[in-house]
């Protein structure tokens, strides 16, 4: 029974790492030269041997020992959503919510304290508050582990309102004409199904970003800084485009366009 419990926990850790590194069932099946049904069975713990587990672990850049240690530290039954009470408590204090998100993404408490010159007494009180909220467990040696899946999405009003008050301005006050500002923009025509699929792609990308941060924390040579990432999509008000298309070009516009094309050439 103990072996079955440990192997199940190791498989859960492995599935998380494979997902974060972009391994899908079809890709895994191709890499291992097996059928997709077999890959699904192995990932579910059916018919998977230690050798097969080791092969899949190496695809995720892990050893069996590393999987076992993560499985030992990881609590079972991670929450996939915060309760309304938890979100309300986090939304009352911008530092408490930031601390929770940083811990959720694997940043140690002592590193956070150093970065922001936080007194130990304040950090201890904040960690105790998060523990009372059943969001973290405090472990020996100053370590913590989150009791919430890092892939959670904040869907309730309190933390969305917190973002609106404190974070939105950081993105909307950016100078998007500055070459140092890194952003990607696209205009698409999608059905509701396509829009839902795009939202799923955003969630998968967020997991890839988290995995990148994990690798960077382990391997970075240069100093690291705090970055914010915002992914958002919305339906567009096309009234300005329709208005512009109905008025047509002014006489001078066509000449300016020709000059720009000539210059680009």
C-alpha atoms as a PDB file:
ATOM      1  CA  UNK A   1       0.000   0.000   0.000  1.00  0.00           C
ATOM      2  CA  UNK A   2       2.856   2.397   0.857  1.00  0.00           C
ATOM      3  CA  UNK A   3       4.513   1.691  -2.518  1.00  0.00           C
ATOM      4  CA  UNK A   4       1.250   2.290  -4.372  1.00  0.00           C
ATOM      5  CA  UNK A   5       0.730   5.573  -2.508  1.00  0.00           C
ATOM      6  CA  UNK A   6       4.282   6.741  -3.250  1.00  0.00           C
ATOM      7  CA  UNK A   7       4.168   5.745  -6.910  1.00  0.00           C
ATOM      8  CA  UNK A   8       0.834   7.518  -7.373  1.00  0.00           C
ATOM      9  CA  UNK A   9       2.284  10.674  -5.827  1.00  0.00           C
ATOM     10  CA  UNK A  10       5.379  10.415  -8.055  1.00  0.00           C
ATOM     11  CA  UNK A  11       3.152  10.051 -11.112  1.00  0.00           C
ATOM     12  CA  UNK A  12       1.205  13.142 -10.084  1.00  0.00           C
ATOM     13  CA  UNK A  13       4.455  15.109  -9.810  1.00  0.00           C
ATOM     14  CA  UNK A  14       5.624  13.713 -13.165  1.00  0.00           C
ATOM     15  CA  UNK A  15       2.363  14.640 -14.902  1.00  0.00           C
ATOM     16  CA  UNK A  16       2.689  18.184 -13.603  1.00  0.00           C
ATOM     17  CA  UNK A  17       6.255  18.535 -14.907  1.00  0.00           C
ATOM     18  CA  UNK A  18       5.363  17.023 -18.282  1.00  0.00           C
ATOM     19  CA  UNK A  19       2.400  19.376 -18.609  1.00  0.00           C
ATOM     20  CA  UNK A  20       4.516  22.396 -17.676  1.00  0.00           C
ATOM     21  CA  UNK A  21       7.138  21.422 -20.270  1.00  0.00           C
ATOM     22  CA  UNK A  22       4.522  21.119 -23.016  1.00  0.00           C
ATOM     23  CA  UNK A  23       4.359  17.321 -23.240  1.00  0.00           C
ATOM     24  CA  UNK A  24       1.003  16.208 -24.609  1.00  0.00           C
ATOM     25  CA  UNK A  25      -0.166  12.595 -24.843  1.00  0.00           C
ATOM     26  CA  UNK A  26       0.349  12.475 -28.659  1.00  0.00           C
ATOM     27  CA  UNK A  27       3.843  13.955 -28.331  1.00  0.00           C
ATOM     28  CA  UNK A  28       4.721  11.534 -25.526  1.00  0.00           C
ATOM     29  CA  UNK A  29       3.459   8.585 -27.574  1.00  0.00           C
ATOM     30  CA  UNK A  30       5.552   9.626 -30.579  1.00  0.00           C
ATOM     31  CA  UNK A  31       8.679  10.087 -28.474  1.00  0.00           C
ATOM     32  CA  UNK A  32       8.312   6.681 -26.796  1.00  0.00           C
ATOM     33  CA  UNK A  33       7.109   4.909 -29.964  1.00  0.00           C
ATOM     34  CA  UNK A  34       3.936   3.702 -28.270  1.00  0.00           C
ATOM     35  CA  UNK A  35       0.242   4.195 -28.897  1.00  0.00           C
ATOM     36  CA  UNK A  36      -1.622   7.124 -27.365  1.00  0.00           C
ATOM     37  CA  UNK A  37      -3.831   4.717 -25.406  1.00  0.00           C
ATOM     38  CA  UNK A  38      -0.722   3.134 -23.888  1.00  0.00           C
ATOM     39  CA  UNK A  39       0.696   6.557 -22.992  1.00  0.00           C
ATOM     40  CA  UNK A  40      -2.551   7.443 -21.236  1.00  0.00           C
ATOM     41  CA  UNK A  41      -2.486   4.164 -19.282  1.00  0.00           C
ATOM     42  CA  UNK A  42       1.104   4.732 -18.176  1.00  0.00           C
ATOM     43  CA  UNK A  43       0.336   8.273 -17.035  1.00  0.00           C
ATOM     44  CA  UNK A  44      -2.625   6.895 -15.092  1.00  0.00           C
ATOM     45  CA  UNK A  45      -0.319   4.370 -13.398  1.00  0.00           C
ATOM     46  CA  UNK A  46      -1.580   1.327 -15.276  1.00  0.00           C
ATOM     47  CA  UNK A  47       1.138  -0.986 -16.563  1.00  0.00           C
ATOM     48  CA  UNK A  48       3.896   1.500 -15.769  1.00  0.00           C
ATOM     49  CA  UNK A  49       7.125  -0.048 -14.463  1.00  0.00           C
ATOM     50  CA  UNK A  50      10.015   1.722 -12.741  1.00  0.00           C
ATOM     51  CA  UNK A  51      11.951   1.617 -16.018  1.00  0.00           C
ATOM     52  CA  UNK A  52       9.085   3.240 -17.896  1.00  0.00           C
ATOM     53  CA  UNK A  53       8.630   5.797 -15.138  1.00  0.00           C
ATOM     54  CA  UNK A  54      12.342   6.577 -15.320  1.00  0.00           C
ATOM     55  CA  UNK A  55      12.150   7.104 -19.096  1.00  0.00           C
ATOM     56  CA  UNK A  56       9.236   9.527 -18.762  1.00  0.00           C
ATOM     57  CA  UNK A  57      10.947  11.312 -15.871  1.00  0.00           C
ATOM     58  CA  UNK A  58      14.028  11.944 -18.009  1.00  0.00           C
ATOM     59  CA  UNK A  59      11.819  13.539 -20.670  1.00  0.00           C
ATOM     60  CA  UNK A  60      10.821  16.058 -18.002  1.00  0.00           C
ATOM     61  CA  UNK A  61      14.456  16.507 -16.951  1.00  0.00           C
ATOM     62  CA  UNK A  62      13.931  14.697 -13.651  1.00  0.00           C
ATOM     63  CA  UNK A  63      15.313  11.607 -11.930  1.00  0.00           C
ATOM     64  CA  UNK A  64      13.260   9.090  -9.969  1.00  0.00           C
ATOM     65  CA  UNK A  65      14.905  10.375  -6.799  1.00  0.00           C
ATOM     66  CA  UNK A  66      13.812  13.939  -7.544  1.00  0.00           C
ATOM     67  CA  UNK A  67      10.252  12.791  -8.234  1.00  0.00           C
ATOM     68  CA  UNK A  68      10.220  10.858  -4.960  1.00  0.00           C
ATOM     69  CA  UNK A  69      11.453  13.866  -2.958  1.00  0.00           C
ATOM     70  CA  UNK A  70       8.875  16.178  -4.553  1.00  0.00           C
ATOM     71  CA  UNK A  71       6.151  13.604  -3.933  1.00  0.00           C
ATOM     72  CA  UNK A  72       7.189  13.362  -0.291  1.00  0.00           C
ATOM     73  CA  UNK A  73       7.001  17.142   0.163  1.00  0.00           C
ATOM     74  CA  UNK A  74       3.823  17.647  -1.833  1.00  0.00           C
ATOM     75  CA  UNK A  75       0.547  17.580   0.089  1.00  0.00           C
ATOM     76  CA  UNK A  76      -2.172  15.403  -1.359  1.00  0.00           C
ATOM     77  CA  UNK A  77      -5.368  16.889  -2.708  1.00  0.00           C
ATOM     78  CA  UNK A  78      -4.166  20.372  -3.629  1.00  0.00           C
ATOM     79  CA  UNK A  79      -7.007  22.849  -3.936  1.00  0.00           C
ATOM     80  CA  UNK A  80      -7.666  24.028  -7.484  1.00  0.00           C
ATOM     81  CA  UNK A  81      -9.640  27.088  -6.465  1.00  0.00           C
ATOM     82  CA  UNK A  82      -9.620  29.545  -3.585  1.00  0.00           C
ATOM     83  CA  UNK A  83     -12.674  29.936  -1.421  1.00  0.00           C
ATOM     84  CA  UNK A  84     -14.426  33.283  -1.321  1.00  0.00           C
ATOM     85  CA  UNK A  85     -13.214  33.773   2.273  1.00  0.00           C
ATOM     86  CA  UNK A  86      -9.604  33.119   1.230  1.00  0.00           C
ATOM     87  CA  UNK A  87      -9.826  35.598  -1.647  1.00  0.00           C
ATOM     88  CA  UNK A  88     -11.394  38.223   0.600  1.00  0.00           C
ATOM     89  CA  UNK A  89      -8.601  37.815   3.142  1.00  0.00           C
ATOM     90  CA  UNK A  90      -5.887  38.101   0.475  1.00  0.00           C
ATOM     91  CA  UNK A  91      -7.552  41.103  -1.150  1.00  0.00           C
ATOM     92  CA  UNK A  92      -7.365  43.143   2.062  1.00  0.00           C
ATOM     93  CA  UNK A  93      -3.565  43.338   1.924  1.00  0.00           C
ATOM     94  CA  UNK A  94      -1.524  43.777  -1.260  1.00  0.00           C
ATOM     95  CA  UNK A  95       1.627  42.389   0.366  1.00  0.00           C
ATOM     96  CA  UNK A  96      -0.152  39.300   1.670  1.00  0.00           C
ATOM     97  CA  UNK A  97      -1.550  38.523  -1.781  1.00  0.00           C
ATOM     98  CA  UNK A  98       1.847  39.109  -3.415  1.00  0.00           C
ATOM     99  CA  UNK A  99       3.564  36.919  -0.829  1.00  0.00           C
ATOM    100  CA  UNK A 100       1.122  34.091  -1.487  1.00  0.00           C
ATOM    101  CA  UNK A 101       1.578  34.298  -5.264  1.00  0.00           C
ATOM    102  CA  UNK A 102       5.376  34.375  -4.916  1.00  0.00           C
ATOM    103  CA  UNK A 103       5.359  31.356  -2.597  1.00  0.00           C
ATOM    104  CA  UNK A 104       2.959  29.569  -4.948  1.00  0.00           C
ATOM    105  CA  UNK A 105       5.528  30.053  -7.715  1.00  0.00           C
ATOM    106  CA  UNK A 106       8.338  28.574  -5.656  1.00  0.00           C
ATOM    107  CA  UNK A 107      10.145  31.690  -4.387  1.00  0.00           C
ATOM    108  CA  UNK A 108      11.515  30.985  -0.865  1.00  0.00           C
ATOM    109  CA  UNK A 109      10.369  33.265   1.993  1.00  0.00           C
ATOM    110  CA  UNK A 110      13.938  34.348   2.816  1.00  0.00           C
ATOM    111  CA  UNK A 111      14.485  35.502  -0.779  1.00  0.00           C
ATOM    112  CA  UNK A 112      11.290  37.578  -0.669  1.00  0.00           C
ATOM    113  CA  UNK A 113      12.337  39.061   2.677  1.00  0.00           C
ATOM    114  CA  UNK A 114      15.740  40.022   1.245  1.00  0.00           C
ATOM    115  CA  UNK A 115      14.324  41.539  -1.947  1.00  0.00           C
ATOM    116  CA  UNK A 116      11.927  43.818  -0.067  1.00  0.00           C
ATOM    117  CA  UNK A 117      13.859  44.321   3.199  1.00  0.00           C
ATOM    118  CA  UNK A 118      11.048  42.758   5.216  1.00  0.00           C
ATOM    119  CA  UNK A 119      11.749  42.348   8.948  1.00  0.00           C
ATOM    120  CA  UNK A 120      11.664  38.734  10.116  1.00  0.00           C
ATOM    121  CA  UNK A 121       8.846  39.513  12.550  1.00  0.00           C
ATOM    122  CA  UNK A 122       6.680  40.845   9.723  1.00  0.00           C
ATOM    123  CA  UNK A 123       7.452  37.849   7.508  1.00  0.00           C
ATOM    124  CA  UNK A 124       6.651  35.402  10.309  1.00  0.00           C
ATOM    125  CA  UNK A 125       3.331  37.119  10.963  1.00  0.00           C
ATOM    126  CA  UNK A 126       2.429  37.069   7.260  1.00  0.00           C
ATOM    127  CA  UNK A 127       3.325  33.388   6.896  1.00  0.00           C
ATOM    128  CA  UNK A 128       1.290  32.586   9.997  1.00  0.00           C
ATOM    129  CA  UNK A 129      -1.666  34.411   8.458  1.00  0.00           C
ATOM    130  CA  UNK A 130      -1.373  32.416   5.235  1.00  0.00           C
ATOM    131  CA  UNK A 131      -1.142  29.213   7.268  1.00  0.00           C
ATOM    132  CA  UNK A 132      -4.301  30.086   9.223  1.00  0.00           C
ATOM    133  CA  UNK A 133      -6.032  30.643   5.883  1.00  0.00           C
ATOM    134  CA  UNK A 134      -5.059  27.059   4.902  1.00  0.00           C
ATOM    135  CA  UNK A 135      -3.065  28.380   1.930  1.00  0.00           C
ATOM    136  CA  UNK A 136       0.386  27.107   3.001  1.00  0.00           C
ATOM    137  CA  UNK A 137       2.099  24.731   5.396  1.00  0.00           C
ATOM    138  CA  UNK A 138       5.269  25.876   7.136  1.00  0.00           C
ATOM    139  CA  UNK A 139       8.003  23.256   7.165  1.00  0.00           C
ATOM    140  CA  UNK A 140      11.344  22.839   8.934  1.00  0.00           C
ATOM    141  CA  UNK A 141      14.229  25.067   7.949  1.00  0.00           C
ATOM    142  CA  UNK A 142      12.045  28.036   7.034  1.00  0.00           C
ATOM    143  CA  UNK A 143      10.557  26.270   4.014  1.00  0.00           C
ATOM    144  CA  UNK A 144       6.900  26.432   3.014  1.00  0.00           C
ATOM    145  CA  UNK A 145       4.693  24.447   0.687  1.00  0.00           C
ATOM    146  CA  UNK A 146       1.544  25.703  -0.956  1.00  0.00           C
ATOM    147  CA  UNK A 147      -1.740  23.906  -0.369  1.00  0.00           C
ATOM    148  CA  UNK A 148      -3.123  25.227  -3.653  1.00  0.00           C
ATOM    149  CA  UNK A 149      -2.323  24.128  -7.191  1.00  0.00           C
ATOM    150  CA  UNK A 150      -0.179  26.798  -8.831  1.00  0.00           C
ATOM    151  CA  UNK A 151      -2.314  26.542 -11.962  1.00  0.00           C
ATOM    152  CA  UNK A 152      -5.344  28.022 -10.186  1.00  0.00           C
ATOM    153  CA  UNK A 153      -7.263  30.843 -11.826  1.00  0.00           C
ATOM    154  CA  UNK A 154      -8.682  33.726  -9.798  1.00  0.00           C
ATOM    155  CA  UNK A 155     -12.327  33.893 -10.864  1.00  0.00           C
ATOM    156  CA  UNK A 156     -13.952  35.613  -7.895  1.00  0.00           C
ATOM    157  CA  UNK A 157     -14.476  39.324  -7.389  1.00  0.00           C
ATOM    158  CA  UNK A 158     -12.113  40.127  -4.453  1.00  0.00           C
ATOM    159  CA  UNK A 159      -8.786  39.340  -6.151  1.00  0.00           C
ATOM    160  CA  UNK A 160      -9.994  40.609  -9.519  1.00  0.00           C
ATOM    161  CA  UNK A 161     -10.793  43.899  -7.776  1.00  0.00           C
ATOM    162  CA  UNK A 162      -7.346  43.867  -6.156  1.00  0.00           C
ATOM    163  CA  UNK A 163      -5.756  43.544  -9.591  1.00  0.00           C
ATOM    164  CA  UNK A 164      -7.937  46.385 -10.847  1.00  0.00           C
ATOM    165  CA  UNK A 165      -6.807  48.671  -8.019  1.00  0.00           C
ATOM    166  CA  UNK A 166      -3.096  47.894  -7.873  1.00  0.00           C
ATOM    167  CA  UNK A 167      -1.870  46.125 -11.008  1.00  0.00           C
ATOM    168  CA  UNK A 168      -3.892  47.383 -13.949  1.00  0.00           C
ATOM    169  CA  UNK A 169      -2.222  50.776 -13.996  1.00  0.00           C
ATOM    170  CA  UNK A 170       1.214  49.145 -14.308  1.00  0.00           C
ATOM    171  CA  UNK A 171       0.176  47.784 -17.707  1.00  0.00           C
ATOM    172  CA  UNK A 172      -2.089  50.532 -18.998  1.00  0.00           C
ATOM    173  CA  UNK A 173       0.393  53.309 -18.236  1.00  0.00           C
ATOM    174  CA  UNK A 174       3.099  51.624 -20.322  1.00  0.00           C
ATOM    175  CA  UNK A 175       4.530  53.512 -23.274  1.00  0.00           C
ATOM    176  CA  UNK A 176       3.744  50.975 -25.972  1.00  0.00           C
ATOM    177  CA  UNK A 177       5.751  53.027 -28.460  1.00  0.00           C
ATOM    178  CA  UNK A 178       8.931  52.498 -26.437  1.00  0.00           C
ATOM    179  CA  UNK A 179      11.130  49.815 -28.073  1.00  0.00           C
ATOM    180  CA  UNK A 180      11.975  48.526 -24.582  1.00  0.00           C
ATOM    181  CA  UNK A 181       8.314  47.638 -23.997  1.00  0.00           C
ATOM    182  CA  UNK A 182       7.782  44.000 -24.922  1.00  0.00           C
ATOM    183  CA  UNK A 183       4.251  43.133 -26.013  1.00  0.00           C
ATOM    184  CA  UNK A 184       2.403  41.024 -28.547  1.00  0.00           C
ATOM    185  CA  UNK A 185      -0.870  42.013 -30.187  1.00  0.00           C
ATOM    186  CA  UNK A 186      -3.098  40.196 -32.645  1.00  0.00           C
ATOM    187  CA  UNK A 187      -6.556  40.665 -34.156  1.00  0.00           C
ATOM    188  CA  UNK A 188      -8.518  37.507 -34.914  1.00  0.00           C
ATOM    189  CA  UNK A 189     -12.010  36.520 -35.985  1.00  0.00           C
ATOM    190  CA  UNK A 190     -13.162  33.564 -33.878  1.00  0.00           C
ATOM    191  CA  UNK A 191     -16.296  31.643 -33.040  1.00  0.00           C
ATOM    192  CA  UNK A 192     -17.209  31.114 -29.386  1.00  0.00           C
ATOM    193  CA  UNK A 193     -15.549  27.724 -29.609  1.00  0.00           C
ATOM    194  CA  UNK A 194     -12.392  29.296 -31.033  1.00  0.00           C
ATOM    195  CA  UNK A 195     -12.396  31.937 -28.285  1.00  0.00           C
ATOM    196  CA  UNK A 196     -12.691  29.215 -25.644  1.00  0.00           C
ATOM    197  CA  UNK A 197      -9.777  27.359 -27.222  1.00  0.00           C
ATOM    198  CA  UNK A 198      -7.726  30.558 -27.180  1.00  0.00           C
ATOM    199  CA  UNK A 199      -8.465  30.937 -23.463  1.00  0.00           C
ATOM    200  CA  UNK A 200      -7.211  27.379 -22.923  1.00  0.00           C
ATOM    201  CA  UNK A 201      -4.040  28.238 -24.856  1.00  0.00           C
ATOM    202  CA  UNK A 202      -3.495  31.166 -22.501  1.00  0.00           C
ATOM    203  CA  UNK A 203      -3.725  28.843 -19.508  1.00  0.00           C
ATOM    204  CA  UNK A 204      -1.243  26.404 -21.051  1.00  0.00           C
ATOM    205  CA  UNK A 205       1.107  29.291 -21.814  1.00  0.00           C
ATOM    206  CA  UNK A 206       0.889  30.433 -18.181  1.00  0.00           C
ATOM    207  CA  UNK A 207       2.064  26.977 -17.099  1.00  0.00           C
ATOM    208  CA  UNK A 208       4.952  27.214 -19.575  1.00  0.00           C
ATOM    209  CA  UNK A 209       5.889  30.605 -18.103  1.00  0.00           C
ATOM    210  CA  UNK A 210       5.875  29.108 -14.604  1.00  0.00           C
ATOM    211  CA  UNK A 211       8.111  26.260 -15.789  1.00  0.00           C
ATOM    212  CA  UNK A 212      10.486  28.793 -17.384  1.00  0.00           C
ATOM    213  CA  UNK A 213      10.695  30.664 -14.072  1.00  0.00           C
ATOM    214  CA  UNK A 214      11.498  27.395 -12.284  1.00  0.00           C
ATOM    215  CA  UNK A 215      14.327  26.616 -14.708  1.00  0.00           C
ATOM    216  CA  UNK A 216      15.624  30.176 -14.552  1.00  0.00           C
ATOM    217  CA  UNK A 217      15.694  30.103 -10.758  1.00  0.00           C
ATOM    218  CA  UNK A 218      17.820  26.951 -10.860  1.00  0.00           C
ATOM    219  CA  UNK A 219      20.176  27.929 -13.682  1.00  0.00           C
ATOM    220  CA  UNK A 220      20.366  31.729 -13.855  1.00  0.00           C
ATOM    221  CA  UNK A 221      23.840  33.283 -13.793  1.00  0.00           C
ATOM    222  CA  UNK A 222      22.733  36.920 -14.000  1.00  0.00           C
ATOM    223  CA  UNK A 223      20.729  38.716 -11.316  1.00  0.00           C
ATOM    224  CA  UNK A 224      16.973  38.239 -11.531  1.00  0.00           C
ATOM    225  CA  UNK A 225      14.309  40.959 -11.290  1.00  0.00           C
ATOM    226  CA  UNK A 226      10.541  40.880 -10.784  1.00  0.00           C
ATOM    227  CA  UNK A 227       8.456  40.967 -13.969  1.00  0.00           C
ATOM    228  CA  UNK A 228       4.727  41.203 -14.523  1.00  0.00           C
ATOM    229  CA  UNK A 229       2.960  39.388 -17.350  1.00  0.00           C
ATOM    230  CA  UNK A 230      -0.586  40.129 -18.499  1.00  0.00           C
ATOM    231  CA  UNK A 231      -2.435  37.995 -21.035  1.00  0.00           C
ATOM    232  CA  UNK A 232      -5.851  39.255 -22.006  1.00  0.00           C
ATOM    233  CA  UNK A 233      -8.323  38.897 -24.849  1.00  0.00           C
ATOM    234  CA  UNK A 234     -11.624  40.626 -25.470  1.00  0.00           C
ATOM    235  CA  UNK A 235     -14.177  41.206 -28.190  1.00  0.00           C
ATOM    236  CA  UNK A 236     -13.456  44.409 -30.108  1.00  0.00           C
ATOM    237  CA  UNK A 237     -15.632  47.411 -30.776  1.00  0.00           C
ATOM    238  CA  UNK A 238     -15.133  47.740 -34.525  1.00  0.00           C
ATOM    239  CA  UNK A 239     -17.061  51.028 -34.802  1.00  0.00           C
ATOM    240  CA  UNK A 240     -13.891  53.145 -35.376  1.00  0.00           C
ATOM    241  CA  UNK A 241     -12.781  50.788 -38.156  1.00  0.00           C
ATOM    242  CA  UNK A 242     -16.204  50.904 -39.823  1.00  0.00           C
ATOM    243  CA  UNK A 243     -16.286  54.690 -39.508  1.00  0.00           C
ATOM    244  CA  UNK A 244     -12.829  55.001 -41.074  1.00  0.00           C
ATOM    245  CA  UNK A 245     -13.685  52.622 -43.900  1.00  0.00           C
ATOM    246  CA  UNK A 246     -16.883  54.516 -44.728  1.00  0.00           C
ATOM    247  CA  UNK A 247     -15.108  57.891 -45.002  1.00  0.00           C
ATOM    248  CA  UNK A 248     -12.358  56.541 -47.281  1.00  0.00           C
ATOM    249  CA  UNK A 249      -8.913  58.101 -47.769  1.00  0.00           C
ATOM    250  CA  UNK A 250      -8.374  61.820 -47.917  1.00  0.00           C
ATOM    251  CA  UNK A 251      -6.438  63.048 -50.948  1.00  0.00           C
ATOM    252  CA  UNK A 252      -3.184  63.327 -49.042  1.00  0.00           C
ATOM    253  CA  UNK A 253      -3.426  59.902 -47.434  1.00  0.00           C
ATOM    254  CA  UNK A 254      -2.734  57.941 -50.594  1.00  0.00           C
ATOM    255  CA  UNK A 255       0.415  59.961 -51.307  1.00  0.00           C
ATOM    256  CA  UNK A 256       1.664  59.436 -47.745  1.00  0.00           C
ATOM    257  CA  UNK A 257       1.034  55.702 -48.075  1.00  0.00           C
ATOM    258  CA  UNK A 258       3.009  55.571 -51.329  1.00  0.00           C
ATOM    259  CA  UNK A 259       5.906  57.424 -49.701  1.00  0.00           C
ATOM    260  CA  UNK A 260       5.963  54.957 -46.797  1.00  0.00           C
ATOM    261  CA  UNK A 261       6.012  51.967 -49.128  1.00  0.00           C
ATOM    262  CA  UNK A 262       8.807  53.525 -51.157  1.00  0.00           C
ATOM    263  CA  UNK A 263      10.809  54.234 -48.015  1.00  0.00           C
ATOM    264  CA  UNK A 264      10.323  50.696 -46.775  1.00  0.00           C
ATOM    265  CA  UNK A 265      11.516  49.323 -50.068  1.00  0.00           C
END
